[in-house]
C-alpha atoms as a PDB file:
ATOM      1  CA  MET A   1      24.626  19.385 -12.638  1.00  0.00           C
ATOM      2  CA  ILE A   2      21.361  21.305 -12.228  1.00  0.00           C
ATOM      3  CA  GLY A   3      18.126  19.342 -12.500  1.00  0.00           C
ATOM      4  CA  THR A   4      15.340  21.083 -14.362  1.00  0.00           C
ATOM      5  CA  ILE A   5      12.600  19.415 -12.309  1.00  0.00           C
ATOM      6  CA  PRO A   6      12.536  19.810  -8.519  1.00  0.00           C
ATOM      7  CA  PHE A   7      11.177  16.846  -6.608  1.00  0.00           C
ATOM      8  CA  PRO A   8       7.471  17.281  -5.768  1.00  0.00           C
ATOM      9  CA  ASP A   9       7.664  16.626  -2.041  1.00  0.00           C
ATOM     10  CA  ILE A  10       4.293  14.960  -1.570  1.00  0.00           C
ATOM     11  CA  GLY A  11       5.334  12.951   1.476  1.00  0.00           C
ATOM     12  CA  PRO A  12       5.129   9.173   2.029  1.00  0.00           C
ATOM     13  CA  ASN A  13       1.701   9.301   3.722  1.00  0.00           C
ATOM     14  CA  LEU A  14      -1.669  10.014   2.150  1.00  0.00           C
ATOM     15  CA  PHE A  15      -2.809  11.023   5.620  1.00  0.00           C
ATOM     16  CA  ALA A  16      -1.803  10.435   9.237  1.00  0.00           C
ATOM     17  CA  ILE A  17      -3.670  10.864  12.519  1.00  0.00           C
ATOM     18  CA  ASP A  18      -2.547  10.554  16.137  1.00  0.00           C
ATOM     19  CA  ILE A  19      -4.793   8.682  18.550  1.00  0.00           C
ATOM     20  CA  ALA A  20      -3.761   8.303  22.204  1.00  0.00           C
ATOM     21  CA  GLY A  21      -0.159   8.991  21.301  1.00  0.00           C
ATOM     22  CA  ILE A  22      -0.116   6.410  18.498  1.00  0.00           C
ATOM     23  CA  ARG A  23       0.223   7.524  14.879  1.00  0.00           C
ATOM     24  CA  PHE A  24      -1.941   5.817  12.306  1.00  0.00           C
ATOM     25  CA  ALA A  25      -1.019   6.505   8.697  1.00  0.00           C
ATOM     26  CA  LEU A  26      -2.029   5.352   5.236  1.00  0.00           C
ATOM     27  CA  ARG A  27       1.110   5.266   3.136  1.00  0.00           C
ATOM     28  CA  TRP A  28       1.073   5.759  -0.615  1.00  0.00           C
ATOM     29  CA  TYR A  29       2.907   2.456  -1.029  1.00  0.00           C
ATOM     30  CA  ALA A  30       0.231   0.554   0.897  1.00  0.00           C
ATOM     31  CA  LEU A  31      -2.479   2.327  -1.091  1.00  0.00           C
ATOM     32  CA  ALA A  32      -0.726   1.296  -4.315  1.00  0.00           C
ATOM     33  CA  TYR A  33      -0.836  -2.351  -3.228  1.00  0.00           C
ATOM     34  CA  ILE A  34      -4.511  -2.124  -2.239  1.00  0.00           C
ATOM     35  CA  VAL A  35      -5.707  -0.359  -5.385  1.00  0.00           C
ATOM     36  CA  GLY A  36      -3.473  -2.486  -7.622  1.00  0.00           C
ATOM     37  CA  ILE A  37      -4.969  -5.674  -6.184  1.00  0.00           C
ATOM     38  CA  LEU A  38      -8.524  -4.362  -6.539  1.00  0.00           C
ATOM     39  CA  VAL A  39      -8.022  -3.260 -10.157  1.00  0.00           C
ATOM     40  CA  GLY A  40      -6.305  -6.532 -11.067  1.00  0.00           C
ATOM     41  CA  TRP A  41      -9.093  -8.470  -9.326  1.00  0.00           C
ATOM     42  CA  ARG A  42     -11.690  -6.555 -11.325  1.00  0.00           C
ATOM     43  CA  LEU A  43      -9.932  -7.305 -14.608  1.00  0.00           C
ATOM     44  CA  CYS A  44      -9.921 -11.011 -13.747  1.00  0.00           C
ATOM     45  CA  ILE A  45     -13.626 -11.017 -12.864  1.00  0.00           C
ATOM     46  CA  MET A  46     -14.433  -9.280 -16.159  1.00  0.00           C
ATOM     47  CA  ALA A  47     -12.472 -11.932 -18.065  1.00  0.00           C
ATOM     48  CA  LEU A  48     -13.986 -14.868 -16.155  1.00  0.00           C
ATOM     49  CA  ARG A  49     -17.492 -13.611 -16.909  1.00  0.00           C
ATOM     50  CA  ARG A  50     -16.797 -13.684 -20.660  1.00  0.00           C
ATOM     51  CA  PRO A  51     -16.696 -17.367 -21.703  1.00  0.00           C
ATOM     52  CA  LYS A  52     -16.072 -16.430 -25.346  1.00  0.00           C
ATOM     53  CA  LEU A  53     -12.605 -15.174 -24.386  1.00  0.00           C
ATOM     54  CA  TRP A  54     -11.476 -18.676 -23.450  1.00  0.00           C
ATOM     55  CA  ALA A  55     -10.660 -21.827 -25.401  1.00  0.00           C
ATOM     56  CA  ARG A  56     -13.799 -23.910 -26.004  1.00  0.00           C
ATOM     57  CA  GLY A  57     -15.821 -21.135 -24.340  1.00  0.00           C
ATOM     58  CA  ASP A  58     -14.971 -22.296 -20.843  1.00  0.00           C
ATOM     59  CA  ALA A  59     -13.270 -20.133 -18.175  1.00  0.00           C
ATOM     60  CA  PRO A  60     -10.726 -22.017 -16.007  1.00  0.00           C
ATOM     61  CA  THR A  61     -12.596 -21.330 -12.757  1.00  0.00           C
ATOM     62  CA  SER A  62     -15.556 -19.484 -11.286  1.00  0.00           C
ATOM     63  CA  THR A  63     -15.510 -15.970  -9.882  1.00  0.00           C
ATOM     64  CA  ASP A  64     -16.250 -17.312  -6.393  1.00  0.00           C
ATOM     65  CA  ILE A  65     -13.288 -19.692  -6.383  1.00  0.00           C
ATOM     66  CA  PHE A  66     -11.046 -16.963  -7.795  1.00  0.00           C
ATOM     67  CA  GLY A  67     -12.083 -14.744  -4.889  1.00  0.00           C
ATOM     68  CA  ASP A  68     -10.698 -17.387  -2.532  1.00  0.00           C
ATOM     69  CA  LEU A  69      -7.422 -17.367  -4.469  1.00  0.00           C
ATOM     70  CA  VAL A  70      -6.897 -13.631  -3.908  1.00  0.00           C
ATOM     71  CA  SER A  71      -6.064 -14.074  -0.212  1.00  0.00           C
ATOM     72  CA  TRP A  72      -3.466 -16.710  -1.171  1.00  0.00           C
ATOM     73  CA  LEU A  73      -1.959 -14.309  -3.694  1.00  0.00           C
ATOM     74  CA  ILE A  74      -1.744 -11.455  -1.194  1.00  0.00           C
ATOM     75  CA  LEU A  75       0.155 -13.699   1.210  1.00  0.00           C
ATOM     76  CA  GLY A  76       2.387 -14.907  -1.620  1.00  0.00           C
ATOM     77  CA  VAL A  77       3.310 -11.431  -2.834  1.00  0.00           C
ATOM     78  CA  ILE A  78       4.119 -10.161   0.684  1.00  0.00           C
ATOM     79  CA  LEU A  79       6.150 -13.181   1.809  1.00  0.00           C
ATOM     80  CA  GLY A  80       7.791 -13.690  -1.563  1.00  0.00           C
ATOM     81  CA  GLY A  81       8.523 -10.000  -2.068  1.00  0.00           C
ATOM     82  CA  ARG A  82      10.146  -9.659   1.345  1.00  0.00           C
ATOM     83  CA  LEU A  83      12.136 -12.894   1.237  1.00  0.00           C
ATOM     84  CA  GLY A  84      13.204 -12.118  -2.321  1.00  0.00           C
ATOM     85  CA  PHE A  85      14.630  -8.782  -1.210  1.00  0.00           C
ATOM     86  CA  VAL A  86      16.406 -10.444   1.708  1.00  0.00           C
ATOM     87  CA  LEU A  87      17.937 -13.252  -0.381  1.00  0.00           C
ATOM     88  CA  PHE A  88      18.643 -11.410  -3.637  1.00  0.00           C
ATOM     89  CA  TYR A  89      19.837  -8.026  -2.409  1.00  0.00           C
ATOM     90  CA  GLN A  90      20.991  -8.009   1.230  1.00  0.00           C
ATOM     91  CA  PRO A  91      21.529 -11.614   2.444  1.00  0.00           C
ATOM     92  CA  GLU A  92      24.591 -10.819   4.579  1.00  0.00           C
ATOM     93  CA  TYR A  93      22.878  -7.981   6.447  1.00  0.00           C
ATOM     94  CA  TYR A  94      19.758  -9.992   7.271  1.00  0.00           C
ATOM     95  CA  LEU A  95      21.810 -13.065   8.172  1.00  0.00           C
ATOM     96  CA  THR A  96      23.392 -11.040  10.968  1.00  0.00           C
ATOM     97  CA  ASN A  97      20.145  -9.182  11.777  1.00  0.00           C
ATOM     98  CA  PRO A  98      17.374 -11.777  11.313  1.00  0.00           C
ATOM     99  CA  ALA A  99      14.846  -9.821  13.387  1.00  0.00           C
ATOM    100  CA  GLU A 100      14.939  -7.084  10.723  1.00  0.00           C
ATOM    101  CA  ILE A 101      13.375  -9.455   8.180  1.00  0.00           C
ATOM    102  CA  LEU A 102       9.987  -9.030   9.845  1.00  0.00           C
ATOM    103  CA  LYS A 103      10.065  -5.208   9.642  1.00  0.00           C
ATOM    104  CA  VAL A 104       8.300  -4.987   6.278  1.00  0.00           C
ATOM    105  CA  TRP A 105       7.041  -1.481   7.106  1.00  0.00           C
ATOM    106  CA  GLN A 106      10.607  -0.183   6.836  1.00  0.00           C
ATOM    107  CA  GLY A 107      10.661  -1.034   3.116  1.00  0.00           C
ATOM    108  CA  GLY A 108      12.509  -3.620   1.096  1.00  0.00           C
ATOM    109  CA  MET A 109      10.421  -5.658  -1.349  1.00  0.00           C
ATOM    110  CA  SER A 110      11.492  -7.447  -4.521  1.00  0.00           C
ATOM    111  CA  PHE A 111       9.223  -7.850  -7.532  1.00  0.00           C
ATOM    112  CA  HIS A 112      11.015 -11.019  -8.588  1.00  0.00           C
ATOM    113  CA  GLY A 113      10.553 -12.454  -5.095  1.00  0.00           C
ATOM    114  CA  GLY A 114       6.894 -11.444  -5.118  1.00  0.00           C
ATOM    115  CA  PHE A 115       6.522 -13.058  -8.538  1.00  0.00           C
ATOM    116  CA  ILE A 116       7.917 -16.325  -7.185  1.00  0.00           C
ATOM    117  CA  GLY A 117       5.684 -16.101  -4.106  1.00  0.00           C
ATOM    118  CA  VAL A 118       2.570 -15.548  -6.211  1.00  0.00           C
ATOM    119  CA  SER A 119       3.567 -18.379  -8.563  1.00  0.00           C
ATOM    120  CA  VAL A 120       3.985 -20.822  -5.673  1.00  0.00           C
ATOM    121  CA  ALA A 121       0.700 -19.760  -4.056  1.00  0.00           C
ATOM    122  CA  ALA A 122      -1.180 -20.051  -7.359  1.00  0.00           C
ATOM    123  CA  LEU A 123       0.412 -23.438  -8.115  1.00  0.00           C
ATOM    124  CA  ILE A 124      -0.653 -24.901  -4.760  1.00  0.00           C
ATOM    125  CA  PHE A 125      -4.149 -23.435  -5.128  1.00  0.00           C
ATOM    126  CA  CYS A 126      -4.573 -24.781  -8.661  1.00  0.00           C
ATOM    127  CA  LEU A 127      -3.417 -28.249  -7.669  1.00  0.00           C
ATOM    128  CA  LYS A 128      -5.771 -28.246  -4.681  1.00  0.00           C
ATOM    129  CA  TYR A 129      -8.826 -27.221  -6.723  1.00  0.00           C
ATOM    130  CA  LYS A 130      -7.785 -28.976  -9.966  1.00  0.00           C
ATOM    131  CA  ILE A 131      -7.623 -25.733 -11.974  1.00  0.00           C
ATOM    132  CA  PRO A 132      -5.625 -25.775 -15.248  1.00  0.00           C
ATOM    133  CA  LEU A 133      -2.304 -24.009 -14.665  1.00  0.00           C
ATOM    134  CA  LEU A 134      -1.657 -22.129 -17.910  1.00  0.00           C
ATOM    135  CA  PRO A 135      -5.089 -20.442 -18.173  1.00  0.00           C
ATOM    136  CA  MET A 136      -4.799 -19.361 -14.528  1.00  0.00           C
ATOM    137  CA  ALA A 137      -1.284 -18.037 -15.164  1.00  0.00           C
ATOM    138  CA  ASP A 138      -2.647 -16.040 -18.106  1.00  0.00           C
ATOM    139  CA  LEU A 139      -5.365 -14.581 -15.888  1.00  0.00           C
ATOM    140  CA  LEU A 140      -2.865 -13.515 -13.218  1.00  0.00           C
ATOM    141  CA  ALA A 141      -0.552 -12.030 -15.850  1.00  0.00           C
ATOM    142  CA  LEU A 142      -3.419  -9.807 -17.014  1.00  0.00           C
ATOM    143  CA  ALA A 143      -3.976  -8.648 -13.422  1.00  0.00           C
ATOM    144  CA  THR A 144      -0.368  -7.699 -12.627  1.00  0.00           C
ATOM    145  CA  PRO A 145       0.447  -4.479 -14.579  1.00  0.00           C
ATOM    146  CA  PRO A 146      -1.928  -2.191 -12.617  1.00  0.00           C
ATOM    147  CA  GLY A 147      -0.062  -3.042  -9.412  1.00  0.00           C
ATOM    148  CA  LEU A 148       3.280  -2.438 -11.128  1.00  0.00           C
ATOM    149  CA  LEU A 149       2.115   0.931 -12.430  1.00  0.00           C
ATOM    150  CA  LEU A 150       0.880   2.148  -9.054  1.00  0.00           C
ATOM    151  CA  GLY A 151       3.768   0.604  -7.118  1.00  0.00           C
ATOM    152  CA  ARG A 152       6.393   2.408  -9.210  1.00  0.00           C
ATOM    153  CA  ILE A 153       4.529   5.695  -8.869  1.00  0.00           C
ATOM    154  CA  ALA A 154       4.572   5.132  -5.099  1.00  0.00           C
ATOM    155  CA  ASN A 155       8.335   4.516  -5.310  1.00  0.00           C
ATOM    156  CA  PHE A 156       8.666   7.924  -6.967  1.00  0.00           C
ATOM    157  CA  ILE A 157       6.509   9.633  -4.329  1.00  0.00           C
ATOM    158  CA  ASN A 158       8.632   8.005  -1.616  1.00  0.00           C
ATOM    159  CA  ALA A 159      11.801   9.304  -3.343  1.00  0.00           C
ATOM    160  CA  GLU A 160      13.298   5.794  -3.472  1.00  0.00           C
ATOM    161  CA  LEU A 161      14.825   3.591  -6.158  1.00  0.00           C
ATOM    162  CA  TRP A 162      15.842   6.643  -8.162  1.00  0.00           C
ATOM    163  CA  GLY A 163      18.018   6.544 -11.251  1.00  0.00           C
ATOM    164  CA  ARG A 164      21.601   7.422 -12.071  1.00  0.00           C
ATOM    165  CA  PRO A 165      22.873  11.005 -12.324  1.00  0.00           C
ATOM    166  CA  THR A 166      21.869  12.651 -15.592  1.00  0.00           C
ATOM    167  CA  THR A 167      21.813  15.906 -17.549  1.00  0.00           C
ATOM    168  CA  VAL A 168      18.590  15.164 -19.453  1.00  0.00           C
ATOM    169  CA  PRO A 169      15.966  17.958 -19.230  1.00  0.00           C
ATOM    170  CA  TRP A 170      13.596  15.754 -17.227  1.00  0.00           C
ATOM    171  CA  GLY A 171      16.182  14.872 -14.576  1.00  0.00           C
ATOM    172  CA  VAL A 172      14.741  15.115 -11.055  1.00  0.00           C
ATOM    173  CA  VAL A 173      16.524  16.458  -7.979  1.00  0.00           C
ATOM    174  CA  PHE A 174      15.581  13.878  -5.344  1.00  0.00           C
ATOM    175  CA  PRO A 175      15.950  14.855  -1.665  1.00  0.00           C
ATOM    176  CA  GLY A 176      18.295  13.224   0.813  1.00  0.00           C
ATOM    177  CA  ALA A 177      22.031  12.850   1.252  1.00  0.00           C
ATOM    178  CA  ALA A 178      22.137   9.520  -0.588  1.00  0.00           C
ATOM    179  CA  ALA A 179      20.394  10.917  -3.653  1.00  0.00           C
ATOM    180  CA  GLN A 180      22.676  13.948  -3.655  1.00  0.00           C
ATOM    181  CA  ASP A 181      25.854  11.907  -3.290  1.00  0.00           C
ATOM    182  CA  CYS A 182      26.857  11.996  -6.949  1.00  0.00           C
ATOM    183  CA  GLY A 183      30.629  11.927  -6.735  1.00  0.00           C
ATOM    184  CA  GLU A 184      32.274  14.945  -8.329  1.00  0.00           C
ATOM    185  CA  VAL A 185      29.016  16.612  -9.368  1.00  0.00           C
ATOM    186  CA  ALA A 186      28.996  20.257  -8.347  1.00  0.00           C
ATOM    187  CA  GLY A 187      25.742  21.712  -7.021  1.00  0.00           C
ATOM    188  CA  LEU A 188      22.439  19.869  -7.094  1.00  0.00           C
ATOM    189  CA  CYS A 189      22.442  16.370  -8.553  1.00  0.00           C
ATOM    190  CA  ALA A 190      19.628  15.461 -10.952  1.00  0.00           C
ATOM    191  CA  ARG A 191      18.810  11.828 -11.547  1.00  0.00           C
ATOM    192  CA  HIS A 192      16.767   9.769 -13.980  1.00  0.00           C
ATOM    193  CA  PRO A 193      13.215   9.265 -12.623  1.00  0.00           C
ATOM    194  CA  SER A 194      13.646   5.547 -13.316  1.00  0.00           C
ATOM    195  CA  GLN A 195      10.596   4.719 -11.198  1.00  0.00           C
ATOM    196  CA  LEU A 196       8.431   6.528 -13.766  1.00  0.00           C
ATOM    197  CA  TYR A 197      10.211   4.780 -16.640  1.00  0.00           C
ATOM    198  CA  GLU A 198       9.232   1.466 -15.070  1.00  0.00           C
ATOM    199  CA  ALA A 199       5.689   2.665 -14.373  1.00  0.00           C
ATOM    200  CA  ALA A 200       5.285   3.610 -18.034  1.00  0.00           C
ATOM    201  CA  LEU A 201       6.810   0.435 -19.500  1.00  0.00           C
ATOM    202  CA  GLU A 202       5.995  -2.350 -17.000  1.00  0.00           C
ATOM    203  CA  GLY A 203       2.682  -0.864 -15.938  1.00  0.00           C
ATOM    204  CA  ALA A 204       0.946   1.332 -18.494  1.00  0.00           C
ATOM    205  CA  LEU A 205       2.348   0.012 -21.801  1.00  0.00           C
ATOM    206  CA  LEU A 206       2.449  -3.672 -20.848  1.00  0.00           C
ATOM    207  CA  GLY A 207      -0.997  -3.437 -19.265  1.00  0.00           C
ATOM    208  CA  PHE A 208      -2.423  -1.839 -22.410  1.00  0.00           C
ATOM    209  CA  VAL A 209      -0.904  -4.551 -24.617  1.00  0.00           C
ATOM    210  CA  LEU A 210      -2.309  -7.352 -22.450  1.00  0.00           C
ATOM    211  CA  ILE A 211      -5.797  -5.818 -22.221  1.00  0.00           C
ATOM    212  CA  VAL A 212      -5.975  -5.353 -26.000  1.00  0.00           C
ATOM    213  CA  ALA A 213      -4.661  -8.888 -26.576  1.00  0.00           C
ATOM    214  CA  VAL A 214      -7.201 -10.427 -24.180  1.00  0.00           C
ATOM    215  CA  PHE A 215     -10.354  -8.411 -24.822  1.00  0.00           C
ATOM    216  CA  GLY A 216      -9.629  -7.388 -28.405  1.00  0.00           C
ATOM    217  CA  PHE A 217      -7.953 -10.479 -29.872  1.00  0.00           C
ATOM    218  CA  ARG A 218      -9.097 -13.149 -27.368  1.00  0.00           C
ATOM    219  CA  ALA A 219      -5.528 -14.237 -26.643  1.00  0.00           C
ATOM    220  CA  PHE A 220      -6.740 -16.383 -23.728  1.00  0.00           C
ATOM    221  CA  ARG A 221      -7.747 -18.951 -26.349  1.00  0.00           C
ATOM    222  CA  ARG A 222      -4.045 -19.749 -26.724  1.00  0.00           C
ATOM    223  CA  SER A 223      -3.107 -20.939 -23.255  1.00  0.00           C
ATOM    224  CA  GLY A 224       0.253 -19.571 -22.119  1.00  0.00           C
ATOM    225  CA  LEU A 225       0.373 -16.772 -24.680  1.00  0.00           C
ATOM    226  CA  ILE A 226      -0.532 -13.936 -22.291  1.00  0.00           C
ATOM    227  CA  THR A 227       1.846 -15.290 -19.642  1.00  0.00           C
ATOM    228  CA  GLY A 228       4.610 -15.370 -22.252  1.00  0.00           C
ATOM    229  CA  ILE A 229       3.891 -11.822 -23.412  1.00  0.00           C
ATOM    230  CA  PHE A 230       3.900 -10.620 -19.809  1.00  0.00           C
ATOM    231  CA  LEU A 231       7.227 -12.284 -19.016  1.00  0.00           C
ATOM    232  CA  ILE A 232       8.835 -10.880 -22.163  1.00  0.00           C
ATOM    233  CA  GLY A 233       7.382  -7.423 -21.596  1.00  0.00           C
ATOM    234  CA  TYR A 234       8.322  -7.185 -17.925  1.00  0.00           C
ATOM    235  CA  GLY A 235      11.742  -8.796 -18.281  1.00  0.00           C
ATOM    236  CA  ALA A 236      12.759  -6.659 -21.260  1.00  0.00           C
ATOM    237  CA  SER A 237      11.415  -3.448 -19.675  1.00  0.00           C
ATOM    238  CA  ARG A 238      13.156  -4.058 -16.354  1.00  0.00           C
ATOM    239  CA  ALA A 239      16.452  -5.022 -18.008  1.00  0.00           C
ATOM    240  CA  PHE A 240      16.299  -1.839 -20.116  1.00  0.00           C
ATOM    241  CA  VAL A 241      15.457   0.494 -17.222  1.00  0.00           C
ATOM    242  CA  GLU A 242      18.333  -1.008 -15.215  1.00  0.00           C
ATOM    243  CA  LEU A 243      20.599   0.938 -17.599  1.00  0.00           C
ATOM    244  CA  PHE A 244      19.269   4.139 -16.021  1.00  0.00           C
ATOM    245  CA  ARG A 245      18.497   2.975 -12.475  1.00  0.00           C
ATOM    246  CA  GLN A 246      20.933   3.616  -9.635  1.00  0.00           C
ATOM    247  CA  PRO A 247      22.684   0.315  -8.850  1.00  0.00           C
ATOM    248  CA  ASP A 248      22.155  -1.376  -5.517  1.00  0.00           C
ATOM    249  CA  VAL A 249      24.686   0.068  -3.075  1.00  0.00           C
ATOM    250  CA  GLN A 250      25.850  -3.301  -1.788  1.00  0.00           C
ATOM    251  CA  PHE A 251      27.190  -4.162  -5.254  1.00  0.00           C
ATOM    252  CA  VAL A 252      29.090  -0.899  -5.770  1.00  0.00           C
ATOM    253  CA  THR A 253      32.852  -0.966  -5.218  1.00  0.00           C
ATOM    254  CA  ILE A 254      35.797   1.083  -6.401  1.00  0.00           C
ATOM    255  CA  GLY A 255      36.448  -1.440  -9.145  1.00  0.00           C
ATOM    256  CA  ASN A 256      32.747  -1.821  -9.925  1.00  0.00           C
ATOM    257  CA  PRO A 257      31.216   1.682  -9.829  1.00  0.00           C
ATOM    258  CA  ILE A 258      28.246   0.695 -11.986  1.00  0.00           C
ATOM    259  CA  GLY A 259      27.161  -1.851  -9.385  1.00  0.00           C
ATOM    260  CA  HIS A 260      27.080  -4.948 -11.566  1.00  0.00           C
ATOM    261  CA  ALA A 261      26.213  -8.083  -9.610  1.00  0.00           C
ATOM    262  CA  LEU A 262      27.994 -10.062 -12.314  1.00  0.00           C
ATOM    263  CA  HIS A 263      30.826  -8.281 -14.066  1.00  0.00           C
ATOM    264  CA  PHE A 264      33.822  -8.904 -16.286  1.00  0.00           C
ATOM    265  CA  GLY A 265      35.872  -5.730 -16.538  1.00  0.00           C
ATOM    266  CA  ASP A 266      33.660  -2.855 -17.690  1.00  0.00           C
ATOM    267  CA  TRP A 267      30.874  -5.190 -18.821  1.00  0.00           C
ATOM    268  CA  GLY A 268      28.335  -6.793 -16.568  1.00  0.00           C
ATOM    269  CA  LEU A 269      24.766  -7.298 -15.447  1.00  0.00           C
ATOM    270  CA  THR A 270      22.905  -5.781 -12.511  1.00  0.00           C
ATOM    271  CA  MET A 271      20.936  -8.009 -10.170  1.00  0.00           C
ATOM    272  CA  GLY A 272      17.718  -6.768 -11.760  1.00  0.00           C
ATOM    273  CA  GLN A 273      18.955  -7.814 -15.202  1.00  0.00           C
ATOM    274  CA  ILE A 274      20.153 -11.209 -13.960  1.00  0.00           C
ATOM    275  CA  LEU A 275      16.697 -11.922 -12.546  1.00  0.00           C
ATOM    276  CA  SER A 276      14.834 -10.496 -15.566  1.00  0.00           C
ATOM    277  CA  LEU A 277      16.604 -12.106 -18.506  1.00  0.00           C
ATOM    278  CA  PRO A 278      15.470 -15.652 -17.611  1.00  0.00           C
ATOM    279  CA  MET A 279      11.909 -14.309 -17.558  1.00  0.00           C
ATOM    280  CA  VAL A 280      12.344 -13.167 -21.159  1.00  0.00           C
ATOM    281  CA  LEU A 281      13.666 -16.590 -22.168  1.00  0.00           C
ATOM    282  CA  VAL A 282      10.774 -18.437 -20.499  1.00  0.00           C
ATOM    283  CA  GLY A 283       8.338 -15.949 -22.038  1.00  0.00           C
ATOM    284  CA  VAL A 284       9.650 -16.591 -25.551  1.00  0.00           C
ATOM    285  CA  ILE A 285       9.321 -20.354 -25.016  1.00  0.00           C
ATOM    286  CA  LEU A 286       5.713 -19.978 -23.812  1.00  0.00           C
ATOM    287  CA  VAL A 287       4.761 -17.779 -26.775  1.00  0.00           C
ATOM    288  CA  VAL A 288       6.303 -20.212 -29.268  1.00  0.00           C
ATOM    289  CA  LEU A 289       4.597 -23.194 -27.641  1.00  0.00           C
ATOM    290  CA  ALA A 290       1.228 -21.407 -27.524  1.00  0.00           C
ATOM    291  CA  VAL A 291       1.397 -20.439 -31.196  1.00  0.00           C
ATOM    292  CA  ASN A 292       2.578 -23.887 -32.312  1.00  0.00           C
ATOM    293  CA  ARG A 293      -0.046 -25.619 -30.179  1.00  0.00           C
ATOM    294  CA  THR A 294      -2.796 -23.532 -31.764  1.00  0.00           C
ATOM    295  CA  ALA A 295      -1.457 -24.167 -35.264  1.00  0.00           C
ATOM    296  CA  THR A 296      -1.376 -27.912 -34.627  1.00  0.00           C
ATOM    297  CA  VAL A 297      -4.944 -27.965 -33.329  1.00  0.00           C
ATOM    298  CA  ALA A 298      -6.134 -25.901 -36.303  1.00  0.00           C
ATOM    299  CA  ALA A 299      -4.405 -28.247 -38.746  1.00  0.00           C
ATOM    300  CA  LYS A 300      -6.056 -31.311 -37.177  1.00  0.00           C
ATOM    301  CA  GLU A 301      -9.482 -29.669 -37.269  1.00  0.00           C
ATOM    302  CA  ASN A 302      -9.069 -28.831 -40.961  1.00  0.00           C
ATOM    303  CA  GLN A 303      -8.117 -32.375 -41.965  1.00  0.00           C
ATOM    304  CA  PRO A 304     -10.794 -34.065 -44.101  1.00  0.00           C
ATOM    305  CA  THR A 305     -12.798 -36.766 -42.405  1.00  0.00           C
ATOM    306  CA  PRO A 306     -12.003 -40.171 -43.939  1.00  0.00           C
END
């Protein structure tokens, strides 16, 4: 199998310098986190400064208070992302090597874990400052796709989380023995650039939909709607891309070559799909509730005054 696109070996570091025998480097993955947070933060500030976007013309919080929330969210995404990876993907390894859990710089983060961490941090913050939960959830949903877009591009640059072997014209020949271990494939092994699939769907497309919904159609006026759209969009995109993404090695066995975490014969679900499908279900519920709630309010307002 000959890939038509060689891997653009950019390297994991934007730059690196040695000072007194110590190497300091800015990694693309770290830069993706930083820029993603800044862009998401900016989107939130833009929305908070437009009262007309919100129900009854009132934003859920001020820009100053939201700035305080950002540090909570950063802590939530790092702790949640790391612990999610440990618990969802490699619990046995980290149970026997607990010191490795702290080595975040070696890689190993889970979006679903980060999502839970951010949700917990935001919940505690909202309860502390008496901020309505659904409008804040909508705001954070709007802010998330830029980080997903940049994070998946960084995954591609790092030559990690690549897809399954393929013969499609855009298949990429990723470097490394693991990427080239494609069973009986003769010659170079091309794989789906699944990181870019996720960047396009979870980041660019979903982000565009949410921005248009918020700033074009004022979807924030229906509390929970943007959160529901985000959960549906991310969950469906991730579950779909899992069909092309290389399964997690710890789930692959002779009887389960696809790497399903839950399988019955030839059919099954990957861990990514198991964690994503409930997001779709919750998203559908939130969208239905938001639409019905708005319809009920509109009906009451249109009733004649006795």
